[in-house]
Amino acid sequence: MEKVTQELMNSLVGQEIDVFSLQNEQQVGTLAISKVEQGRIDTEEFSSFSISLLGDPKNQLPQDNYLFKHNAFGEYPMFMSIHDIDKYQIVISRRRN
């Protein structure tokens, strides 16, 4: 079973999530989960969802893989892209079981 699901992330909207570098596991920031949406990929074989995040414009994080930590799911590595000075997005696409 996957730790990070659309249902779990929906329950965390409004909460903060800690962001760590994958290279040295040092914390690089904290982001707030602002929205979780069904993704464009929704077939018999695959499903997807997106997680929108808000951050501090004074601590802009580049597009990269990060280790995200929260009590609800522990630690989970994900790829995050930036699309505004303080807005980020994670898209998760998975093969259905």
PDB file of N, CA and C in Angstrom:
ATOM      1  N   MET A   1       0.841  -1.191   0.000  1.00  0.00           N
ATOM      2  CA  MET A   1       0.000   0.000   0.000  1.00  0.00           C
ATOM      3  C   MET A   1       0.882   1.248   0.000  1.00  0.00           C
ATOM      4  N   GLU A   2       0.511   2.207  -0.814  1.00  0.00           N
ATOM      5  CA  GLU A   2       1.273   3.454  -0.891  1.00  0.00           C
ATOM      6  C   GLU A   2       1.017   4.325   0.340  1.00  0.00           C
ATOM      7  N   LYS A   3       2.052   4.985   0.816  1.00  0.00           N
ATOM      8  CA  LYS A   3       1.912   5.880   1.964  1.00  0.00           C
ATOM      9  C   LYS A   3       1.171   7.157   1.597  1.00  0.00           C
ATOM     10  N   VAL A   4       1.498   7.726   0.447  1.00  0.00           N
ATOM     11  CA  VAL A   4       0.934   9.006   0.032  1.00  0.00           C
ATOM     12  C   VAL A   4      -0.176   8.740  -0.986  1.00  0.00           C
ATOM     13  N   THR A   5      -1.408   8.940  -0.551  1.00  0.00           N
ATOM     14  CA  THR A   5      -2.566   8.736  -1.425  1.00  0.00           C
ATOM     15  C   THR A   5      -3.311  10.057  -1.583  1.00  0.00           C
ATOM     16  N   GLN A   6      -4.173  10.115  -2.578  1.00  0.00           N
ATOM     17  CA  GLN A   6      -4.966  11.321  -2.786  1.00  0.00           C
ATOM     18  C   GLN A   6      -5.849  11.588  -1.573  1.00  0.00           C
ATOM     19  N   GLU A   7      -6.431  10.562  -1.007  1.00  0.00           N
ATOM     20  CA  GLU A   7      -7.303  10.728   0.160  1.00  0.00           C
ATOM     21  C   GLU A   7      -6.528  11.275   1.357  1.00  0.00           C
ATOM     22  N   LEU A   8      -5.348  10.710   1.599  1.00  0.00           N
ATOM     23  CA  LEU A   8      -4.533  11.189   2.716  1.00  0.00           C
ATOM     24  C   LEU A   8      -4.139  12.649   2.506  1.00  0.00           C
ATOM     25  N   MET A   9      -3.667  12.977   1.314  1.00  0.00           N
ATOM     26  CA  MET A   9      -3.221  14.352   1.064  1.00  0.00           C
ATOM     27  C   MET A   9      -4.391  15.330   1.139  1.00  0.00           C
ATOM     28  N   ASN A  10      -5.592  14.922   0.720  1.00  0.00           N
ATOM     29  CA  ASN A  10      -6.780  15.771   0.878  1.00  0.00           C
ATOM     30  C   ASN A  10      -7.028  16.088   2.342  1.00  0.00           C
ATOM     31  N   SER A  11      -6.807  15.122   3.209  1.00  0.00           N
ATOM     32  CA  SER A  11      -7.033  15.334   4.642  1.00  0.00           C
ATOM     33  C   SER A  11      -5.998  16.279   5.246  1.00  0.00           C
ATOM     34  N   LEU A  12      -4.893  16.521   4.540  1.00  0.00           N
ATOM     35  CA  LEU A  12      -3.823  17.379   5.055  1.00  0.00           C
ATOM     36  C   LEU A  12      -3.851  18.798   4.478  1.00  0.00           C
ATOM     37  N   VAL A  13      -4.834  19.125   3.649  1.00  0.00           N
ATOM     38  CA  VAL A  13      -4.916  20.477   3.075  1.00  0.00           C
ATOM     39  C   VAL A  13      -4.954  21.490   4.217  1.00  0.00           C
ATOM     40  N   GLY A  14      -4.106  22.511   4.097  1.00  0.00           N
ATOM     41  CA  GLY A  14      -3.984  23.533   5.123  1.00  0.00           C
ATOM     42  C   GLY A  14      -2.852  23.275   6.102  1.00  0.00           C
ATOM     43  N   GLN A  15      -2.319  22.080   6.105  1.00  0.00           N
ATOM     44  CA  GLN A  15      -1.232  21.745   7.014  1.00  0.00           C
ATOM     45  C   GLN A  15       0.124  21.955   6.342  1.00  0.00           C
ATOM     46  N   GLU A  16       1.141  22.103   7.172  1.00  0.00           N
ATOM     47  CA  GLU A  16       2.495  22.278   6.662  1.00  0.00           C
ATOM     48  C   GLU A  16       3.210  20.948   6.577  1.00  0.00           C
ATOM     49  N   ILE A  17       4.126  20.883   5.615  1.00  0.00           N
ATOM     50  CA  ILE A  17       4.922  19.699   5.374  1.00  0.00           C
ATOM     51  C   ILE A  17       6.387  20.137   5.315  1.00  0.00           C
ATOM     52  N   ASP A  18       7.256  19.393   5.965  1.00  0.00           N
ATOM     53  CA  ASP A  18       8.675  19.735   5.983  1.00  0.00           C
ATOM     54  C   ASP A  18       9.360  19.166   4.747  1.00  0.00           C
ATOM     55  N   VAL A  19      10.283  19.955   4.175  1.00  0.00           N
ATOM     56  CA  VAL A  19      10.963  19.590   2.943  1.00  0.00           C
ATOM     57  C   VAL A  19      12.464  19.487   3.219  1.00  0.00           C
ATOM     58  N   PHE A  20      13.042  18.344   2.809  1.00  0.00           N
ATOM     59  CA  PHE A  20      14.449  18.075   3.058  1.00  0.00           C
ATOM     60  C   PHE A  20      15.167  17.758   1.756  1.00  0.00           C
ATOM     61  N   SER A  21      16.447  18.083   1.707  1.00  0.00           N
ATOM     62  CA  SER A  21      17.301  17.722   0.584  1.00  0.00           C
ATOM     63  C   SER A  21      17.490  16.206   0.585  1.00  0.00           C
ATOM     64  N   LEU A  22      17.414  15.587  -0.579  1.00  0.00           N
ATOM     65  CA  LEU A  22      17.681  14.148  -0.665  1.00  0.00           C
ATOM     66  C   LEU A  22      19.166  13.846  -0.524  1.00  0.00           C
ATOM     67  N   GLN A  23      20.017  14.802  -0.885  1.00  0.00           N
ATOM     68  CA  GLN A  23      21.455  14.570  -0.855  1.00  0.00           C
ATOM     69  C   GLN A  23      22.008  14.480   0.567  1.00  0.00           C
ATOM     70  N   ASN A  24      21.598  15.408   1.431  1.00  0.00           N
ATOM     71  CA  ASN A  24      22.172  15.422   2.776  1.00  0.00           C
ATOM     72  C   ASN A  24      21.122  15.395   3.894  1.00  0.00           C
ATOM     73  N   GLU A  25      19.856  15.275   3.524  1.00  0.00           N
ATOM     74  CA  GLU A  25      18.732  15.214   4.451  1.00  0.00           C
ATOM     75  C   GLU A  25      18.651  16.415   5.396  1.00  0.00           C
ATOM     76  N   GLN A  26      19.180  17.570   4.972  1.00  0.00           N
ATOM     77  CA  GLN A  26      19.003  18.798   5.742  1.00  0.00           C
ATOM     78  C   GLN A  26      17.704  19.460   5.312  1.00  0.00           C
ATOM     79  N   GLN A  27      17.001  20.047   6.288  1.00  0.00           N
ATOM     80  CA  GLN A  27      15.743  20.705   5.961  1.00  0.00           C
ATOM     81  C   GLN A  27      16.014  21.961   5.136  1.00  0.00           C
ATOM     82  N   VAL A  28      15.274  22.110   4.025  1.00  0.00           N
ATOM     83  CA  VAL A  28      15.451  23.258   3.137  1.00  0.00           C
ATOM     84  C   VAL A  28      14.235  24.180   3.150  1.00  0.00           C
ATOM     85  N   GLY A  29      13.144  23.759   3.799  1.00  0.00           N
ATOM     86  CA  GLY A  29      11.968  24.608   3.861  1.00  0.00           C
ATOM     87  C   GLY A  29      10.766  23.898   4.431  1.00  0.00           C
ATOM     88  N   THR A  30       9.687  24.673   4.519  1.00  0.00           N
ATOM     89  CA  THR A  30       8.387  24.173   4.946  1.00  0.00           C
ATOM     90  C   THR A  30       7.365  24.716   3.971  1.00  0.00           C
ATOM     91  N   LEU A  31       6.476  23.850   3.488  1.00  0.00           N
ATOM     92  CA  LEU A  31       5.450  24.255   2.538  1.00  0.00           C
ATOM     93  C   LEU A  31       4.081  23.866   3.071  1.00  0.00           C
ATOM     94  N   ALA A  32       3.068  24.648   2.716  1.00  0.00           N
ATOM     95  CA  ALA A  32       1.693  24.353   3.121  1.00  0.00           C
ATOM     96  C   ALA A  32       0.958  23.687   1.963  1.00  0.00           C
ATOM     97  N   ILE A  33       0.242  22.626   2.252  1.00  0.00           N
ATOM     98  CA  ILE A  33      -0.561  21.955   1.234  1.00  0.00           C
ATOM     99  C   ILE A  33      -1.814  22.805   1.005  1.00  0.00           C
ATOM    100  N   SER A  34      -1.968  23.322  -0.212  1.00  0.00           N
ATOM    101  CA  SER A  34      -3.090  24.227  -0.484  1.00  0.00           C
ATOM    102  C   SER A  34      -4.242  23.565  -1.226  1.00  0.00           C
ATOM    103  N   LYS A  35      -3.939  22.518  -2.027  1.00  0.00           N
ATOM    104  CA  LYS A  35      -5.002  21.891  -2.807  1.00  0.00           C
ATOM    105  C   LYS A  35      -4.525  20.535  -3.308  1.00  0.00           C
ATOM    106  N   VAL A  36      -5.464  19.598  -3.397  1.00  0.00           N
ATOM    107  CA  VAL A  36      -5.194  18.283  -3.971  1.00  0.00           C
ATOM    108  C   VAL A  36      -6.280  18.023  -5.010  1.00  0.00           C
ATOM    109  N   GLU A  37      -5.870  17.652  -6.231  1.00  0.00           N
ATOM    110  CA  GLU A  37      -6.828  17.469  -7.312  1.00  0.00           C
ATOM    111  C   GLU A  37      -6.585  16.165  -8.053  1.00  0.00           C
ATOM    112  N   GLN A  38      -7.663  15.624  -8.607  1.00  0.00           N
ATOM    113  CA  GLN A  38      -7.563  14.459  -9.490  1.00  0.00           C
ATOM    114  C   GLN A  38      -6.705  14.846 -10.682  1.00  0.00           C
ATOM    115  N   GLY A  39      -5.837  13.961 -11.122  1.00  0.00           N
ATOM    116  CA  GLY A  39      -4.963  14.242 -12.252  1.00  0.00           C
ATOM    117  C   GLY A  39      -5.640  13.974 -13.584  1.00  0.00           C
ATOM    118  N   ARG A  40      -4.949  14.298 -14.640  1.00  0.00           N
ATOM    119  CA  ARG A  40      -5.476  14.086 -15.990  1.00  0.00           C
ATOM    120  C   ARG A  40      -5.434  12.629 -16.397  1.00  0.00           C
ATOM    121  N   ILE A  41      -4.527  11.870 -15.798  1.00  0.00           N
ATOM    122  CA  ILE A  41      -4.411  10.449 -16.133  1.00  0.00           C
ATOM    123  C   ILE A  41      -5.373   9.666 -15.244  1.00  0.00           C
ATOM    124  N   ASP A  42      -6.389   9.083 -15.861  1.00  0.00           N
ATOM    125  CA  ASP A  42      -7.368   8.289 -15.125  1.00  0.00           C
ATOM    126  C   ASP A  42      -7.895   7.214 -16.078  1.00  0.00           C
ATOM    127  N   THR A  43      -7.122   6.141 -16.214  1.00  0.00           N
ATOM    128  CA  THR A  43      -7.474   5.051 -17.111  1.00  0.00           C
ATOM    129  C   THR A  43      -7.617   3.765 -16.300  1.00  0.00           C
ATOM    130  N   GLU A  44      -7.943   2.689 -16.974  1.00  0.00           N
ATOM    131  CA  GLU A  44      -8.016   1.397 -16.298  1.00  0.00           C
ATOM    132  C   GLU A  44      -6.655   0.985 -15.744  1.00  0.00           C
ATOM    133  N   GLU A  45      -5.600   1.432 -16.414  1.00  0.00           N
ATOM    134  CA  GLU A  45      -4.249   1.021 -16.021  1.00  0.00           C
ATOM    135  C   GLU A  45      -3.562   1.995 -15.061  1.00  0.00           C
ATOM    136  N   PHE A  46      -3.814   3.311 -15.198  1.00  0.00           N
ATOM    137  CA  PHE A  46      -3.118   4.318 -14.392  1.00  0.00           C
ATOM    138  C   PHE A  46      -4.088   5.310 -13.763  1.00  0.00           C
ATOM    139  N   SER A  47      -3.666   5.884 -12.646  1.00  0.00           N
ATOM    140  CA  SER A  47      -4.386   6.991 -12.009  1.00  0.00           C
ATOM    141  C   SER A  47      -3.366   8.052 -11.605  1.00  0.00           C
ATOM    142  N   SER A  48      -3.834   9.271 -11.384  1.00  0.00           N
ATOM    143  CA  SER A  48      -2.917  10.341 -10.987  1.00  0.00           C
ATOM    144  C   SER A  48      -3.648  11.388 -10.159  1.00  0.00           C
ATOM    145  N   PHE A  49      -2.854  12.151  -9.405  1.00  0.00           N
ATOM    146  CA  PHE A  49      -3.375  13.309  -8.676  1.00  0.00           C
ATOM    147  C   PHE A  49      -2.244  14.305  -8.493  1.00  0.00           C
ATOM    148  N   SER A  50      -2.631  15.557  -8.215  1.00  0.00           N
ATOM    149  CA  SER A  50      -1.632  16.601  -8.008  1.00  0.00           C
ATOM    150  C   SER A  50      -1.799  17.212  -6.624  1.00  0.00           C
ATOM    151  N   ILE A  51      -0.685  17.655  -6.083  1.00  0.00           N
ATOM    152  CA  ILE A  51      -0.636  18.322  -4.782  1.00  0.00           C
ATOM    153  C   ILE A  51      -0.083  19.715  -5.016  1.00  0.00           C
ATOM    154  N   SER A  52      -0.854  20.741  -4.685  1.00  0.00           N
ATOM    155  CA  SER A  52      -0.395  22.131  -4.795  1.00  0.00           C
ATOM    156  C   SER A  52       0.098  22.580  -3.434  1.00  0.00           C
ATOM    157  N   LEU A  53       1.224  23.300  -3.445  1.00  0.00           N
ATOM    158  CA  LEU A  53       1.870  23.732  -2.203  1.00  0.00           C
ATOM    159  C   LEU A  53       2.190  25.218  -2.266  1.00  0.00           C
ATOM    160  N   LEU A  54       2.162  25.854  -1.103  1.00  0.00           N
ATOM    161  CA  LEU A  54       2.537  27.267  -0.982  1.00  0.00           C
ATOM    162  C   LEU A  54       3.754  27.388  -0.079  1.00  0.00           C
ATOM    163  N   GLY A  55       4.681  28.271  -0.475  1.00  0.00           N
ATOM    164  CA  GLY A  55       5.891  28.462   0.313  1.00  0.00           C
ATOM    165  C   GLY A  55       6.191  29.919   0.543  1.00  0.00           C
ATOM    166  N   ASP A  56       7.318  30.179   1.149  1.00  0.00           N
ATOM    167  CA  ASP A  56       7.796  31.526   1.428  1.00  0.00           C
ATOM    168  C   ASP A  56       8.530  32.041   0.189  1.00  0.00           C
ATOM    169  N   PRO A  57       8.073  33.156  -0.404  1.00  0.00           N
ATOM    170  CA  PRO A  57       8.757  33.660  -1.602  1.00  0.00           C
ATOM    171  C   PRO A  57      10.216  34.046  -1.337  1.00  0.00           C
ATOM    172  N   LYS A  58      10.600  34.241  -0.076  1.00  0.00           N
ATOM    173  CA  LYS A  58      11.983  34.574   0.273  1.00  0.00           C
ATOM    174  C   LYS A  58      12.870  33.330   0.350  1.00  0.00           C
ATOM    175  N   ASN A  59      12.256  32.148   0.302  1.00  0.00           N
ATOM    176  CA  ASN A  59      13.006  30.890   0.347  1.00  0.00           C
ATOM    177  C   ASN A  59      12.522  30.010  -0.807  1.00  0.00           C
ATOM    178  N   GLN A  60      12.811  30.426  -2.015  1.00  0.00           N
ATOM    179  CA  GLN A  60      12.345  29.725  -3.211  1.00  0.00           C
ATOM    180  C   GLN A  60      13.146  28.441  -3.424  1.00  0.00           C
ATOM    181  N   LEU A  61      12.437  27.343  -3.587  1.00  0.00           N
ATOM    182  CA  LEU A  61      13.081  26.050  -3.805  1.00  0.00           C
ATOM    183  C   LEU A  61      13.062  25.715  -5.289  1.00  0.00           C
ATOM    184  N   PRO A  62      14.168  25.254  -5.846  1.00  0.00           N
ATOM    185  CA  PRO A  62      14.189  24.896  -7.273  1.00  0.00           C
ATOM    186  C   PRO A  62      13.480  23.565  -7.529  1.00  0.00           C
ATOM    187  N   GLN A  63      13.101  23.357  -8.771  1.00  0.00           N
ATOM    188  CA  GLN A  63      12.526  22.086  -9.193  1.00  0.00           C
ATOM    189  C   GLN A  63      13.532  20.989  -8.900  1.00  0.00           C
ATOM    190  N   ASP A  64      13.099  19.932  -8.195  1.00  0.00           N
ATOM    191  CA  ASP A  64      14.032  18.873  -7.828  1.00  0.00           C
ATOM    192  C   ASP A  64      13.273  17.763  -7.098  1.00  0.00           C
ATOM    193  N   ASN A  65      13.988  16.703  -6.790  1.00  0.00           N
ATOM    194  CA  ASN A  65      13.472  15.642  -5.917  1.00  0.00           C
ATOM    195  C   ASN A  65      13.781  16.037  -4.479  1.00  0.00           C
ATOM    196  N   TYR A  66      12.796  15.878  -3.610  1.00  0.00           N
ATOM    197  CA  TYR A  66      12.947  16.224  -2.204  1.00  0.00           C
ATOM    198  C   TYR A  66      12.388  15.102  -1.341  1.00  0.00           C
ATOM    199  N   LEU A  67      12.789  15.098  -0.088  1.00  0.00           N
ATOM    200  CA  LEU A  67      12.235  14.191   0.899  1.00  0.00           C
ATOM    201  C   LEU A  67      11.222  15.000   1.707  1.00  0.00           C
ATOM    202  N   PHE A  68       9.962  14.601   1.647  1.00  0.00           N
ATOM    203  CA  PHE A  68       8.895  15.299   2.356  1.00  0.00           C
ATOM    204  C   PHE A  68       8.573  14.522   3.625  1.00  0.00           C
ATOM    205  N   LYS A  69       8.391  15.265   4.727  1.00  0.00           N
ATOM    206  CA  LYS A  69       8.117  14.620   6.010  1.00  0.00           C
ATOM    207  C   LYS A  69       6.882  15.235   6.663  1.00  0.00           C
ATOM    208  N   HIS A  70       6.031  14.336   7.190  1.00  0.00           N
ATOM    209  CA  HIS A  70       4.823  14.735   7.928  1.00  0.00           C
ATOM    210  C   HIS A  70       4.438  13.550   8.807  1.00  0.00           C
ATOM    211  N   ASN A  71       3.884  13.831   9.970  1.00  0.00           N
ATOM    212  CA  ASN A  71       3.497  12.756  10.890  1.00  0.00           C
ATOM    213  C   ASN A  71       2.517  11.775  10.264  1.00  0.00           C
ATOM    214  N   ALA A  72       1.685  12.233   9.320  1.00  0.00           N
ATOM    215  CA  ALA A  72       0.655  11.378   8.730  1.00  0.00           C
ATOM    216  C   ALA A  72       1.219  10.286   7.821  1.00  0.00           C
ATOM    217  N   PHE A  73       2.393  10.530   7.205  1.00  0.00           N
ATOM    218  CA  PHE A  73       2.954   9.526   6.304  1.00  0.00           C
ATOM    219  C   PHE A  73       4.441   9.247   6.529  1.00  0.00           C
ATOM    220  N   GLY A  74       5.048   9.885   7.478  1.00  0.00           N
ATOM    221  CA  GLY A  74       6.476   9.674   7.737  1.00  0.00           C
ATOM    222  C   GLY A  74       7.319  10.437   6.744  1.00  0.00           C
ATOM    223  N   GLU A  75       8.175   9.735   6.015  1.00  0.00           N
ATOM    224  CA  GLU A  75       9.047  10.338   5.000  1.00  0.00           C
ATOM    225  C   GLU A  75       8.673   9.774   3.634  1.00  0.00           C
ATOM    226  N   TYR A  76       8.704  10.626   2.618  1.00  0.00           N
ATOM    227  CA  TYR A  76       8.367  10.155   1.279  1.00  0.00           C
ATOM    228  C   TYR A  76       9.077  11.024   0.246  1.00  0.00           C
ATOM    229  N   PRO A  77       9.910  10.440  -0.626  1.00  0.00           N
ATOM    230  CA  PRO A  77      10.584  11.233  -1.662  1.00  0.00           C
ATOM    231  C   PRO A  77       9.631  11.512  -2.827  1.00  0.00           C
ATOM    232  N   MET A  78       9.612  12.763  -3.306  1.00  0.00           N
ATOM    233  CA  MET A  78       8.768  13.146  -4.439  1.00  0.00           C
ATOM    234  C   MET A  78       9.458  14.232  -5.251  1.00  0.00           C
ATOM    235  N   PHE A  79       9.122  14.271  -6.539  1.00  0.00           N
ATOM    236  CA  PHE A  79       9.616  15.313  -7.430  1.00  0.00           C
ATOM    237  C   PHE A  79       8.667  16.497  -7.358  1.00  0.00           C
ATOM    238  N   MET A  80       9.209  17.705  -7.160  1.00  0.00           N
ATOM    239  CA  MET A  80       8.404  18.916  -7.037  1.00  0.00           C
ATOM    240  C   MET A  80       8.866  19.946  -8.060  1.00  0.00           C
ATOM    241  N   SER A  81       7.899  20.579  -8.720  1.00  0.00           N
ATOM    242  CA  SER A  81       8.226  21.662  -9.656  1.00  0.00           C
ATOM    243  C   SER A  81       7.657  22.970  -9.119  1.00  0.00           C
ATOM    244  N   ILE A  82       8.309  24.061  -9.496  1.00  0.00           N
ATOM    245  CA  ILE A  82       7.869  25.390  -9.087  1.00  0.00           C
ATOM    246  C   ILE A  82       7.157  26.041 -10.272  1.00  0.00           C
ATOM    247  N   HIS A  83       6.047  26.741 -10.007  1.00  0.00           N
ATOM    248  CA  HIS A  83       5.361  27.407 -11.109  1.00  0.00           C
ATOM    249  C   HIS A  83       4.985  28.846 -10.795  1.00  0.00           C
ATOM    250  N   ASP A  84       5.464  29.380  -9.691  1.00  0.00           N
ATOM    251  CA  ASP A  84       5.333  30.800  -9.360  1.00  0.00           C
ATOM    252  C   ASP A  84       6.324  31.069  -8.234  1.00  0.00           C
ATOM    253  N   ILE A  85       6.443  32.316  -7.836  1.00  0.00           N
ATOM    254  CA  ILE A  85       7.443  32.685  -6.827  1.00  0.00           C
ATOM    255  C   ILE A  85       7.262  31.919  -5.511  1.00  0.00           C
ATOM    256  N   ASP A  86       6.030  31.519  -5.203  1.00  0.00           N
ATOM    257  CA  ASP A  86       5.762  30.825  -3.950  1.00  0.00           C
ATOM    258  C   ASP A  86       4.839  29.615  -4.119  1.00  0.00           C
ATOM    259  N   LYS A  87       4.686  29.126  -5.358  1.00  0.00           N
ATOM    260  CA  LYS A  87       3.760  28.022  -5.627  1.00  0.00           C
ATOM    261  C   LYS A  87       4.490  26.843  -6.255  1.00  0.00           C
ATOM    262  N   TYR A  88       4.153  25.667  -5.761  1.00  0.00           N
ATOM    263  CA  TYR A  88       4.803  24.429  -6.188  1.00  0.00           C
ATOM    264  C   TYR A  88       3.749  23.378  -6.487  1.00  0.00           C
ATOM    265  N   GLN A  89       4.172  22.336  -7.214  1.00  0.00           N
ATOM    266  CA  GLN A  89       3.253  21.257  -7.520  1.00  0.00           C
ATOM    267  C   GLN A  89       3.993  19.920  -7.572  1.00  0.00           C
ATOM    268  N   ILE A  90       3.323  18.914  -7.059  1.00  0.00           N
ATOM    269  CA  ILE A  90       3.777  17.533  -7.140  1.00  0.00           C
ATOM    270  C   ILE A  90       2.695  16.775  -7.898  1.00  0.00           C
ATOM    271  N   VAL A  91       3.073  16.001  -8.906  1.00  0.00           N
ATOM    272  CA  VAL A  91       2.121  15.162  -9.637  1.00  0.00           C
ATOM    273  C   VAL A  91       2.522  13.711  -9.410  1.00  0.00           C
ATOM    274  N   ILE A  92       1.564  12.919  -8.960  1.00  0.00           N
ATOM    275  CA  ILE A  92       1.818  11.505  -8.710  1.00  0.00           C
ATOM    276  C   ILE A  92       0.964  10.699  -9.672  1.00  0.00           C
ATOM    277  N   SER A  93       1.614   9.830 -10.431  1.00  0.00           N
ATOM    278  CA  SER A  93       0.945   8.943 -11.379  1.00  0.00           C
ATOM    279  C   SER A  93       1.363   7.524 -11.036  1.00  0.00           C
ATOM    280  N   ARG A  94       0.363   6.643 -10.911  1.00  0.00           N
ATOM    281  CA  ARG A  94       0.659   5.263 -10.511  1.00  0.00           C
ATOM    282  C   ARG A  94      -0.127   4.256 -11.335  1.00  0.00           C
ATOM    283  N   ARG A  95       0.467   3.085 -11.474  1.00  0.00           N
ATOM    284  CA  ARG A  95      -0.218   1.958 -12.091  1.00  0.00           C
ATOM    285  C   ARG A  95      -1.238   1.441 -11.061  1.00  0.00           C
ATOM    286  N   ARG A  96      -2.443   1.200 -11.521  1.00  0.00           N
ATOM    287  CA  ARG A  96      -3.466   0.652 -10.632  1.00  0.00           C
ATOM    288  C   ARG A  96      -3.136  -0.802 -10.299  1.00  0.00           C
ATOM    289  N   ASN A  97      -3.552  -1.244  -9.150  1.00  0.00           N
ATOM    290  CA  ASN A  97      -3.303  -2.647  -8.725  1.00  0.00           C
ATOM    291  C   ASN A  97      -4.215  -3.608  -9.450  1.00  0.00           C
TER     292      ASN A  97
END
